[in-house]
N, C-alpha and C. Protein backbone atom coordinates (compact mmCIF):
# COMPACT_ATOMS: atom_id res chain seq x y z
N MET A 1 5.92 17.23 13.46
CA MET A 1 4.95 16.72 12.36
C MET A 1 5.77 15.62 11.65
N LEU A 2 5.40 14.48 11.57
CA LEU A 2 5.95 13.28 10.87
C LEU A 2 6.14 13.53 9.27
N SER A 3 7.18 13.55 8.84
CA SER A 3 7.16 13.82 7.20
C SER A 3 7.89 12.48 6.66
N ILE A 4 6.86 11.89 5.88
CA ILE A 4 7.27 10.62 5.05
C ILE A 4 7.41 10.87 3.63
N LYS A 5 8.40 10.45 2.95
CA LYS A 5 8.46 10.64 1.48
C LYS A 5 8.71 9.30 1.09
N PRO A 6 7.72 8.62 0.62
CA PRO A 6 7.96 7.30 -0.07
C PRO A 6 8.37 7.44 -1.49
N SER A 7 9.12 6.42 -1.65
CA SER A 7 9.95 6.45 -3.03
C SER A 7 9.00 6.29 -4.27
N GLN A 8 8.99 7.23 -5.28
CA GLN A 8 8.16 7.11 -6.20
C GLN A 8 8.61 6.09 -7.34
N ASP A 9 9.79 5.51 -7.21
CA ASP A 9 10.30 4.50 -8.14
C ASP A 9 9.53 3.22 -7.85
N THR A 10 8.95 3.17 -6.71
CA THR A 10 8.52 1.67 -6.15
C THR A 10 7.02 1.75 -6.92
N SER A 11 6.85 0.59 -7.63
CA SER A 11 5.45 0.33 -8.19
C SER A 11 4.56 -0.10 -7.29
N LEU A 12 3.23 -0.18 -7.59
CA LEU A 12 2.38 -0.79 -6.64
C LEU A 12 2.44 -2.32 -6.59
N ALA A 13 2.92 -2.72 -7.72
CA ALA A 13 3.24 -4.07 -7.82
C ALA A 13 4.31 -4.38 -6.66
N ASP A 14 5.27 -4.00 -6.88
CA ASP A 14 6.43 -4.15 -5.79
C ASP A 14 5.94 -3.80 -4.40
N LEU A 15 5.13 -2.77 -4.23
CA LEU A 15 4.86 -2.53 -2.91
C LEU A 15 3.80 -3.81 -2.41
N PHE A 16 2.95 -3.90 -3.21
CA PHE A 16 2.23 -5.24 -2.92
C PHE A 16 2.96 -6.45 -2.49
N CYS A 17 3.91 -6.93 -3.28
CA CYS A 17 4.54 -7.99 -2.85
C CYS A 17 5.52 -7.77 -1.49
N LYS A 18 6.15 -6.40 -1.28
CA LYS A 18 6.57 -6.32 -0.09
C LYS A 18 5.67 -6.52 1.27
N ILE A 19 4.45 -5.81 1.22
CA ILE A 19 3.49 -5.92 1.98
C ILE A 19 3.21 -7.39 2.25
N TRP A 20 3.05 -7.99 1.36
CA TRP A 20 2.19 -9.52 1.53
C TRP A 20 3.38 -10.24 2.02
N HIS A 21 4.70 -10.20 1.43
CA HIS A 21 5.53 -11.14 2.12
C HIS A 21 5.99 -10.74 3.52
N SER A 22 5.94 -9.55 3.80
CA SER A 22 5.99 -8.93 5.43
C SER A 22 4.88 -9.27 6.26
N GLY A 23 3.87 -9.48 5.66
CA GLY A 23 2.68 -9.80 6.39
C GLY A 23 1.92 -8.46 7.29
N CYS A 24 2.69 -7.35 6.95
CA CYS A 24 2.20 -6.09 7.55
C CYS A 24 1.92 -4.86 6.72
N LEU A 25 1.40 -3.92 7.30
CA LEU A 25 1.46 -2.63 6.20
C LEU A 25 1.98 -1.60 7.40
N THR A 26 3.00 -0.94 6.78
CA THR A 26 3.66 -0.07 7.72
C THR A 26 3.06 1.48 7.47
N LEU A 27 3.43 2.35 8.17
CA LEU A 27 2.95 3.74 8.08
C LEU A 27 3.30 4.29 6.54
N GLY A 28 4.50 4.04 6.37
CA GLY A 28 5.23 4.43 5.05
C GLY A 28 4.37 3.76 4.04
N ASP A 29 4.00 2.35 4.05
CA ASP A 29 3.34 1.94 3.09
C ASP A 29 1.75 2.44 2.87
N ARG A 30 1.44 2.69 4.17
CA ARG A 30 -0.20 3.52 4.07
C ARG A 30 0.13 4.87 3.31
N TYR A 31 1.07 5.52 3.53
CA TYR A 31 1.22 6.93 2.78
C TYR A 31 1.49 6.54 1.25
N ARG A 32 2.04 5.58 0.95
CA ARG A 32 2.50 5.30 -0.46
C ARG A 32 1.02 4.95 -1.19
N LEU A 33 0.24 4.10 -0.37
CA LEU A 33 -1.04 3.96 -1.07
C LEU A 33 -1.94 5.03 -0.85
N MET A 34 -1.97 5.91 -0.04
CA MET A 34 -2.81 7.13 0.10
C MET A 34 -2.32 8.03 -1.26
N LEU A 35 -1.12 8.21 -1.34
CA LEU A 35 -0.61 8.97 -2.61
C LEU A 35 -1.21 8.43 -3.89
N SER A 36 -1.07 6.94 -3.75
CA SER A 36 -1.74 6.53 -5.09
C SER A 36 -3.08 6.85 -5.38
N LEU A 37 -3.88 6.54 -4.20
CA LEU A 37 -5.49 6.78 -4.34
C LEU A 37 -5.71 8.25 -4.88
N MET A 38 -4.82 9.18 -4.34
CA MET A 38 -4.97 10.64 -4.68
C MET A 38 -4.87 10.92 -6.32
N GLN A 39 -4.13 10.09 -7.04
CA GLN A 39 -3.66 10.15 -8.48
C GLN A 39 -5.17 9.82 -9.18
N ASP A 40 -5.49 10.53 -10.16
CA ASP A 40 -6.59 10.32 -10.92
C ASP A 40 -6.51 9.39 -11.94
N SER A 41 -5.13 8.86 -12.21
CA SER A 41 -4.67 8.02 -13.37
C SER A 41 -4.48 6.51 -12.96
N LEU A 42 -5.14 6.07 -11.98
CA LEU A 42 -4.99 4.67 -11.83
C LEU A 42 -5.51 3.54 -12.70
N SER A 43 -4.57 2.65 -12.96
CA SER A 43 -5.02 1.79 -13.98
C SER A 43 -5.87 0.73 -13.39
N ALA A 44 -6.57 -0.35 -14.14
CA ALA A 44 -7.36 -1.31 -13.56
C ALA A 44 -6.74 -2.08 -12.58
N GLU A 45 -5.17 -2.47 -13.16
CA GLU A 45 -4.44 -3.45 -12.33
C GLU A 45 -3.97 -2.58 -11.05
N GLU A 46 -3.71 -1.47 -11.13
CA GLU A 46 -3.37 -0.64 -9.86
C GLU A 46 -4.66 -0.73 -8.73
N GLU A 47 -5.72 -0.57 -9.29
CA GLU A 47 -6.86 -0.63 -8.52
C GLU A 47 -7.19 -1.97 -7.77
N ALA A 48 -6.91 -2.95 -8.73
CA ALA A 48 -6.90 -4.53 -8.22
C ALA A 48 -6.19 -4.56 -7.23
N ILE A 49 -4.75 -4.28 -7.22
CA ILE A 49 -3.86 -4.33 -6.27
C ILE A 49 -4.17 -3.59 -4.73
N LEU A 50 -4.78 -2.39 -5.09
CA LEU A 50 -5.24 -1.76 -3.72
C LEU A 50 -6.21 -2.68 -3.15
N ASN A 51 -7.15 -2.98 -4.03
CA ASN A 51 -8.35 -3.85 -3.35
C ASN A 51 -7.88 -4.99 -2.61
N ARG A 52 -6.97 -5.76 -3.18
CA ARG A 52 -6.44 -6.86 -2.85
C ARG A 52 -5.56 -6.79 -1.25
N ILE A 53 -5.00 -5.42 -1.34
CA ILE A 53 -4.33 -5.02 0.07
C ILE A 53 -5.49 -4.80 1.00
N LEU A 54 -6.41 -3.99 0.77
CA LEU A 54 -7.58 -3.83 1.65
C LEU A 54 -8.18 -4.87 2.06
N HIS A 55 -8.59 -5.99 1.03
CA HIS A 55 -9.15 -7.33 1.48
C HIS A 55 -8.42 -7.99 2.61
N GLY A 56 -7.06 -8.12 2.25
CA GLY A 56 -6.08 -8.79 3.16
C GLY A 56 -6.21 -8.33 4.44
N VAL A 57 -6.21 -6.88 4.63
CA VAL A 57 -6.50 -6.07 6.05
C VAL A 57 -7.69 -6.57 6.74
N ARG A 58 -8.67 -6.58 5.71
CA ARG A 58 -10.20 -6.90 6.39
C ARG A 58 -10.09 -8.23 6.89
N ARG A 59 -9.67 -9.04 6.19
CA ARG A 59 -9.83 -10.58 6.43
C ARG A 59 -8.58 -11.13 7.63
N GLY A 60 -7.79 -9.94 8.10
CA GLY A 60 -6.75 -10.23 9.12
C GLY A 60 -5.39 -11.14 8.36
N TRP A 61 -5.35 -11.00 7.20
CA TRP A 61 -4.21 -11.66 6.69
C TRP A 61 -3.06 -10.80 6.79
N LEU A 62 -3.18 -9.25 6.96
CA LEU A 62 -2.30 -8.55 6.89
C LEU A 62 -2.32 -7.60 8.25
N GLU A 63 -1.58 -7.27 8.83
CA GLU A 63 -1.51 -6.35 9.91
C GLU A 63 -1.30 -5.03 9.69
N VAL A 64 -1.95 -4.04 10.23
CA VAL A 64 -1.56 -2.72 10.17
C VAL A 64 -0.66 -2.15 11.60
N LYS A 65 0.37 -1.83 10.98
CA LYS A 65 1.67 -1.39 12.09
C LYS A 65 1.09 0.07 12.43
N LYS A 66 1.26 0.48 13.51
CA LYS A 66 1.33 2.02 13.93
C LYS A 66 2.41 2.73 13.73
N GLU A 67 3.61 2.12 13.64
CA GLU A 67 4.75 2.69 13.26
C GLU A 67 5.28 2.70 11.94
């Protein structure tokens, strides 16, 4: 089983910048986003960041990597 421990020090804003500049969403990025969604205490700004990433994937601006 694959075990990925994303850095808790990375804010969603930093993760958004990394994803947007690279143009792809890695497996580690997806796990970090999943963990963020599981938290009940997302701010409005964090929700907007998640929505922007999902919008980028739907529009084809961001590629989802399988690795």
